[in-house]
PDB file of N, CA and C in Angstrom:
ATOM      1  N   MET A   1      58.295 -50.596  46.842  1.00  0.00           N
ATOM      2  CA  MET A   1      59.157 -51.204  46.368  1.00  0.00           C
ATOM      3  C   MET A   1      59.558 -51.225  45.299  1.00  0.00           C
ATOM      4  N   ARG A   2      60.529 -51.025  44.728  1.00  0.00           N
ATOM      5  CA  ARG A   2      60.961 -50.098  42.913  1.00  0.00           C
ATOM      6  C   ARG A   2      61.078 -51.823  42.335  1.00  0.00           C
ATOM      7  N   ARG A   3      60.130 -51.725  40.954  1.00  0.00           N
ATOM      8  CA  ARG A   3      60.288 -52.266  40.346  1.00  0.00           C
ATOM      9  C   ARG A   3      60.259 -51.850  38.633  1.00  0.00           C
ATOM     10  N   GLU A   4      60.935 -52.669  37.608  1.00  0.00           N
ATOM     11  CA  GLU A   4      61.531 -52.538  36.761  1.00  0.00           C
ATOM     12  C   GLU A   4      60.859 -53.580  35.744  1.00  0.00           C
ATOM     13  N   PRO A   5      60.579 -51.684  34.213  1.00  0.00           N
ATOM     14  CA  PRO A   5      59.285 -52.953  33.466  1.00  0.00           C
ATOM     15  C   PRO A   5      60.300 -54.624  32.581  1.00  0.00           C
ATOM     16  N   VAL A   6      59.028 -55.272  32.056  1.00  0.00           N
ATOM     17  CA  VAL A   6      59.674 -56.987  32.384  1.00  0.00           C
ATOM     18  C   VAL A   6      59.634 -56.857  30.837  1.00  0.00           C
ATOM     19  N   SER A   7      60.053 -57.929  30.153  1.00  0.00           N
ATOM     20  CA  SER A   7      59.355 -57.731  28.470  1.00  0.00           C
ATOM     21  C   SER A   7      58.066 -58.602  28.748  1.00  0.00           C
ATOM     22  N   SER A   8      56.931 -58.675  28.656  1.00  0.00           N
ATOM     23  CA  SER A   8      56.035 -59.324  28.430  1.00  0.00           C
ATOM     24  C   SER A   8      54.483 -58.661  28.256  1.00  0.00           C
ATOM     25  N   SER A   9      53.257 -60.173  27.525  1.00  0.00           N
ATOM     26  CA  SER A   9      52.768 -59.329  27.369  1.00  0.00           C
ATOM     27  C   SER A   9      51.847 -59.770  28.748  1.00  0.00           C
ATOM     28  N   ALA A  10      51.748 -59.655  29.854  1.00  0.00           N
ATOM     29  CA  ALA A  10      50.726 -60.055  30.751  1.00  0.00           C
ATOM     30  C   ALA A  10      51.650 -59.253  32.197  1.00  0.00           C
ATOM     31  N   ILE A  11      52.363 -58.965  31.907  1.00  0.00           N
ATOM     32  CA  ILE A  11      53.555 -58.418  32.578  1.00  0.00           C
ATOM     33  C   ILE A  11      53.718 -57.381  32.598  1.00  0.00           C
ATOM     34  N   ARG A  12      53.335 -55.651  33.301  1.00  0.00           N
ATOM     35  CA  ARG A  12      54.076 -54.586  33.323  1.00  0.00           C
ATOM     36  C   ARG A  12      55.381 -54.356  33.849  1.00  0.00           C
ATOM     37  N   SER A  13      55.467 -54.982  34.938  1.00  0.00           N
ATOM     38  CA  SER A  13      57.068 -54.688  35.981  1.00  0.00           C
ATOM     39  C   SER A  13      57.250 -55.536  36.915  1.00  0.00           C
ATOM     40  N   ALA A  14      58.613 -55.745  37.787  1.00  0.00           N
ATOM     41  CA  ALA A  14      58.850 -56.504  38.353  1.00  0.00           C
ATOM     42  C   ALA A  14      59.674 -56.123  38.898  1.00  0.00           C
ATOM     43  N   GLY A  15      59.574 -56.361  40.721  1.00  0.00           N
ATOM     44  CA  GLY A  15      61.052 -56.700  41.414  1.00  0.00           C
ATOM     45  C   GLY A  15      61.236 -57.059  42.675  1.00  0.00           C
ATOM     46  N   TYR A  16      62.597 -57.190  42.988  1.00  0.00           N
ATOM     47  CA  TYR A  16      62.669 -58.484  44.214  1.00  0.00           C
ATOM     48  C   TYR A  16      63.749 -57.778  45.429  1.00  0.00           C
ATOM     49  N   GLU A  17      62.551 -58.272  46.361  1.00  0.00           N
ATOM     50  CA  GLU A  17      63.340 -57.421  47.302  1.00  0.00           C
ATOM     51  C   GLU A  17      63.401 -58.313  49.002  1.00  0.00           C
ATOM     52  N   HIS A  18      64.237 -59.297  50.160  1.00  0.00           N
ATOM     53  CA  HIS A  18      64.221 -59.483  50.465  1.00  0.00           C
ATOM     54  C   HIS A  18      63.573 -60.651  51.108  1.00  0.00           C
ATOM     55  N   GLY A  19      63.450 -61.627  49.315  1.00  0.00           N
ATOM     56  CA  GLY A  19      62.194 -62.757  49.327  1.00  0.00           C
ATOM     57  C   GLY A  19      60.789 -62.426  48.548  1.00  0.00           C
ATOM     58  N   VAL A  20      60.811 -61.080  48.419  1.00  0.00           N
ATOM     59  CA  VAL A  20      59.268 -60.695  48.033  1.00  0.00           C
ATOM     60  C   VAL A  20      59.234 -60.726  46.118  1.00  0.00           C
ATOM     61  N   LEU A  21      58.856 -60.796  45.921  1.00  0.00           N
ATOM     62  CA  LEU A  21      58.660 -61.139  43.950  1.00  0.00           C
ATOM     63  C   LEU A  21      57.414 -60.020  44.511  1.00  0.00           C
ATOM     64  N   GLU A  22      57.517 -58.511  44.092  1.00  0.00           N
ATOM     65  CA  GLU A  22      56.409 -57.989  43.545  1.00  0.00           C
ATOM     66  C   GLU A  22      55.782 -57.679  41.594  1.00  0.00           C
ATOM     67  N   ILE A  23      54.658 -57.928  41.530  1.00  0.00           N
ATOM     68  CA  ILE A  23      54.282 -57.911  40.080  1.00  0.00           C
ATOM     69  C   ILE A  23      53.238 -57.218  39.930  1.00  0.00           C
ATOM     70  N   GLU A  24      53.448 -56.419  39.304  1.00  0.00           N
ATOM     71  CA  GLU A  24      52.557 -55.437  38.282  1.00  0.00           C
ATOM     72  C   GLU A  24      52.052 -55.802  36.827  1.00  0.00           C
ATOM     73  N   PHE A  25      50.969 -56.439  36.972  1.00  0.00           N
ATOM     74  CA  PHE A  25      49.992 -57.061  35.646  1.00  0.00           C
ATOM     75  C   PHE A  25      48.969 -56.186  34.933  1.00  0.00           C
ATOM     76  N   LEU A  26      49.833 -56.128  33.746  1.00  0.00           N
ATOM     77  CA  LEU A  26      48.876 -55.221  31.955  1.00  0.00           C
ATOM     78  C   LEU A  26      47.313 -55.378  32.112  1.00  0.00           C
ATOM     79  N   ASN A  27      47.130 -56.431  32.798  1.00  0.00           N
ATOM     80  CA  ASN A  27      45.590 -56.565  33.465  1.00  0.00           C
ATOM     81  C   ASN A  27      45.171 -55.564  34.555  1.00  0.00           C
ATOM     82  N   LYS A  28      44.048 -54.304  34.339  1.00  0.00           N
ATOM     83  CA  LYS A  28      43.865 -53.524  35.210  1.00  0.00           C
ATOM     84  C   LYS A  28      44.682 -53.319  36.386  1.00  0.00           C
ATOM     85  N   GLY A  29      45.997 -53.607  36.114  1.00  0.00           N
ATOM     86  CA  GLY A  29      46.961 -52.675  36.666  1.00  0.00           C
ATOM     87  C   GLY A  29      47.076 -52.963  38.148  1.00  0.00           C
ATOM     88  N   ARG A  30      46.000 -54.747  38.350  1.00  0.00           N
ATOM     89  CA  ARG A  30      46.999 -55.214  39.809  1.00  0.00           C
ATOM     90  C   ARG A  30      47.952 -55.108  40.759  1.00  0.00           C
ATOM     91  N   ILE A  31      49.102 -54.858  41.458  1.00  0.00           N
ATOM     92  CA  ILE A  31      49.541 -54.702  41.889  1.00  0.00           C
ATOM     93  C   ILE A  31      49.767 -56.999  42.866  1.00  0.00           C
ATOM     94  N   TYR A  32      50.523 -57.355  42.552  1.00  0.00           N
ATOM     95  CA  TYR A  32      50.538 -58.682  43.830  1.00  0.00           C
ATOM     96  C   TYR A  32      52.189 -58.985  44.309  1.00  0.00           C
ATOM     97  N   GLN A  33      52.420 -58.906  45.467  1.00  0.00           N
ATOM     98  CA  GLN A  33      53.734 -59.459  46.126  1.00  0.00           C
ATOM     99  C   GLN A  33      53.295 -60.725  47.050  1.00  0.00           C
ATOM    100  N   TYR A  34      54.339 -61.671  46.562  1.00  0.00           N
ATOM    101  CA  TYR A  34      54.184 -62.782  46.359  1.00  0.00           C
ATOM    102  C   TYR A  34      55.665 -63.136  48.025  1.00  0.00           C
ATOM    103  N   ARG A  35      54.969 -63.925  48.646  1.00  0.00           N
ATOM    104  CA  ARG A  35      56.317 -63.442  49.744  1.00  0.00           C
ATOM    105  C   ARG A  35      57.148 -64.878  49.926  1.00  0.00           C
ATOM    106  N   ASN A  36      58.162 -64.671  50.749  1.00  0.00           N
ATOM    107  CA  ASN A  36      59.336 -65.857  50.488  1.00  0.00           C
ATOM    108  C   ASN A  36      59.959 -66.615  49.425  1.00  0.00           C
ATOM    109  N   VAL A  37      60.303 -66.229  48.365  1.00  0.00           N
ATOM    110  CA  VAL A  37      61.231 -65.659  46.873  1.00  0.00           C
ATOM    111  C   VAL A  37      61.783 -66.716  47.400  1.00  0.00           C
ATOM    112  N   PRO A  38      62.689 -67.531  47.385  1.00  0.00           N
ATOM    113  CA  PRO A  38      64.255 -68.005  46.714  1.00  0.00           C
ATOM    114  C   PRO A  38      64.881 -66.921  45.575  1.00  0.00           C
ATOM    115  N   PRO A  39      66.203 -66.076  46.517  1.00  0.00           N
ATOM    116  CA  PRO A  39      66.315 -65.592  45.055  1.00  0.00           C
ATOM    117  C   PRO A  39      67.066 -66.546  43.907  1.00  0.00           C
ATOM    118  N   ALA A  40      67.031 -67.512  43.785  1.00  0.00           N
ATOM    119  CA  ALA A  40      67.158 -68.359  42.215  1.00  0.00           C
ATOM    120  C   ALA A  40      65.210 -68.339  41.753  1.00  0.00           C
ATOM    121  N   ALA A  41      64.213 -68.180  42.355  1.00  0.00           N
ATOM    122  CA  ALA A  41      63.423 -68.490  41.632  1.00  0.00           C
ATOM    123  C   ALA A  41      63.327 -66.571  41.235  1.00  0.00           C
ATOM    124  N   TYR A  42      63.774 -65.924  41.133  1.00  0.00           N
ATOM    125  CA  TYR A  42      63.341 -65.338  41.234  1.00  0.00           C
ATOM    126  C   TYR A  42      64.147 -64.431  39.607  1.00  0.00           C
ATOM    127  N   ALA A  43      65.420 -65.524  40.244  1.00  0.00           N
ATOM    128  CA  ALA A  43      67.039 -65.200  38.790  1.00  0.00           C
ATOM    129  C   ALA A  43      65.647 -66.266  37.658  1.00  0.00           C
ATOM    130  N   ALA A  44      65.142 -66.656  38.078  1.00  0.00           N
ATOM    131  CA  ALA A  44      64.350 -68.335  36.525  1.00  0.00           C
ATOM    132  C   ALA A  44      63.275 -66.712  36.932  1.00  0.00           C
ATOM    133  N   PHE A  45      62.971 -66.797  36.712  1.00  0.00           N
ATOM    134  CA  PHE A  45      61.600 -65.951  36.823  1.00  0.00           C
ATOM    135  C   PHE A  45      61.585 -64.815  35.464  1.00  0.00           C
ATOM    136  N   LEU A  46      63.159 -63.493  36.111  1.00  0.00           N
ATOM    137  CA  LEU A  46      63.396 -63.110  34.410  1.00  0.00           C
ATOM    138  C   LEU A  46      63.973 -63.557  33.243  1.00  0.00           C
ATOM    139  N   GLU A  47      63.782 -64.866  33.607  1.00  0.00           N
ATOM    140  CA  GLU A  47      64.791 -65.759  32.761  1.00  0.00           C
ATOM    141  C   GLU A  47      64.250 -66.629  31.276  1.00  0.00           C
ATOM    142  N   ALA A  48      62.835 -66.580  32.482  1.00  0.00           N
ATOM    143  CA  ALA A  48      61.610 -67.172  31.312  1.00  0.00           C
ATOM    144  C   ALA A  48      61.278 -66.647  30.762  1.00  0.00           C
ATOM    145  N   PRO A  49      61.239 -67.309  29.311  1.00  0.00           N
ATOM    146  CA  PRO A  49      60.495 -66.886  27.951  1.00  0.00           C
ATOM    147  C   PRO A  49      59.696 -66.581  27.517  1.00  0.00           C
ATOM    148  N   SER A  50      58.072 -66.959  28.612  1.00  0.00           N
ATOM    149  CA  SER A  50      57.174 -66.052  29.022  1.00  0.00           C
ATOM    150  C   SER A  50      57.022 -66.257  30.839  1.00  0.00           C
ATOM    151  N   LYS A  51      56.635 -65.009  31.166  1.00  0.00           N
ATOM    152  CA  LYS A  51      56.808 -64.963  32.009  1.00  0.00           C
ATOM    153  C   LYS A  51      55.563 -64.845  33.301  1.00  0.00           C
ATOM    154  N   GLY A  52      54.876 -64.578  32.029  1.00  0.00           N
ATOM    155  CA  GLY A  52      53.272 -64.547  32.455  1.00  0.00           C
ATOM    156  C   GLY A  52      52.982 -66.198  33.239  1.00  0.00           C
ATOM    157  N   THR A  53      53.761 -66.918  32.264  1.00  0.00           N
ATOM    158  CA  THR A  53      53.379 -68.890  32.217  1.00  0.00           C
ATOM    159  C   THR A  53      54.048 -69.110  33.366  1.00  0.00           C
ATOM    160  N   PHE A  54      55.392 -68.370  33.204  1.00  0.00           N
ATOM    161  CA  PHE A  54      56.247 -68.622  34.812  1.00  0.00           C
ATOM    162  C   PHE A  54      55.568 -68.561  36.495  1.00  0.00           C
ATOM    163  N   VAL A  55      54.825 -67.551  35.805  1.00  0.00           N
ATOM    164  CA  VAL A  55      54.438 -66.930  36.883  1.00  0.00           C
ATOM    165  C   VAL A  55      52.947 -68.168  36.942  1.00  0.00           C
ATOM    166  N   ASN A  56      52.223 -67.902  36.416  1.00  0.00           N
ATOM    167  CA  ASN A  56      51.230 -68.968  36.166  1.00  0.00           C
ATOM    168  C   ASN A  56      51.431 -70.683  37.230  1.00  0.00           C
ATOM    169  N   LYS A  57      52.501 -70.495  36.188  1.00  0.00           N
ATOM    170  CA  LYS A  57      52.778 -72.407  36.857  1.00  0.00           C
ATOM    171  C   LYS A  57      53.757 -72.064  37.992  1.00  0.00           C
ATOM    172  N   ILE A  58      54.310 -71.319  38.406  1.00  0.00           N
ATOM    173  CA  ILE A  58      55.625 -72.108  38.917  1.00  0.00           C
ATOM    174  C   ILE A  58      54.675 -70.952  40.788  1.00  0.00           C
ATOM    175  N   ILE A  59      54.936 -69.605  41.057  1.00  0.00           N
ATOM    176  CA  ILE A  59      54.400 -68.716  41.650  1.00  0.00           C
ATOM    177  C   ILE A  59      53.356 -68.064  42.548  1.00  0.00           C
ATOM    178  N   LYS A  60      52.456 -68.250  41.308  1.00  0.00           N
ATOM    179  CA  LYS A  60      51.318 -68.602  42.000  1.00  0.00           C
ATOM    180  C   LYS A  60      50.305 -69.950  42.569  1.00  0.00           C
ATOM    181  N   ASN A  61      51.438 -70.586  42.846  1.00  0.00           N
ATOM    182  CA  ASN A  61      51.479 -72.119  43.190  1.00  0.00           C
ATOM    183  C   ASN A  61      51.948 -72.235  44.137  1.00  0.00           C
ATOM    184  N   GLN A  62      53.735 -72.305  44.476  1.00  0.00           N
ATOM    185  CA  GLN A  62      53.734 -72.058  45.526  1.00  0.00           C
ATOM    186  C   GLN A  62      54.480 -71.141  46.995  1.00  0.00           C
ATOM    187  N   TYR A  63      54.018 -70.035  45.914  1.00  0.00           N
ATOM    188  CA  TYR A  63      54.398 -68.750  47.259  1.00  0.00           C
ATOM    189  C   TYR A  63      52.910 -68.192  47.628  1.00  0.00           C
ATOM    190  N   GLU A  64      52.584 -67.411  48.654  1.00  0.00           N
ATOM    191  CA  GLU A  64      51.833 -66.925  48.810  1.00  0.00           C
ATOM    192  C   GLU A  64      51.473 -65.476  48.731  1.00  0.00           C
ATOM    193  N   ALA A  65      50.209 -64.975  48.312  1.00  0.00           N
ATOM    194  CA  ALA A  65      50.396 -64.174  47.380  1.00  0.00           C
ATOM    195  C   ALA A  65      49.612 -63.100  48.256  1.00  0.00           C
ATOM    196  N   LEU A  66      50.000 -61.832  48.012  1.00  0.00           N
ATOM    197  CA  LEU A  66      49.079 -60.718  48.691  1.00  0.00           C
ATOM    198  C   LEU A  66      49.225 -59.626  47.802  1.00  0.00           C
ATOM    199  N   ARG A  67      48.061 -59.415  47.365  1.00  0.00           N
ATOM    200  CA  ARG A  67      47.296 -58.757  46.653  1.00  0.00           C
ATOM    201  C   ARG A  67      47.400 -56.999  47.221  1.00  0.00           C
ATOM    202  N   ILE A  68      48.370 -55.814  45.996  1.00  0.00           N
ATOM    203  CA  ILE A  68      48.756 -54.817  47.261  1.00  0.00           C
ATOM    204  C   ILE A  68      47.862 -53.443  46.736  1.00  0.00           C
ATOM    205  N   LYS A  69      47.537 -54.113  45.502  1.00  0.00           N
ATOM    206  CA  LYS A  69      46.598 -52.648  44.144  1.00  0.00           C
ATOM    207  C   LYS A  69      45.556 -53.152  43.379  1.00  0.00           C
TER     208      LYS A  69
END
């Protein structure tokens, strides 16, 4: 999946395709995919003042995760 850089102290890049949100974290370069994420949640992630906090409080608690790297 193609990811774009994001402004964050915790996240290097993110991409979204067909309900899958893919996030590359700065810490150890780990990449996770979160399944069944609606477009509105992705839009909210992009607009969040703290993307790391948004992922920790919203995305990780509501969507299935798969570590791919």
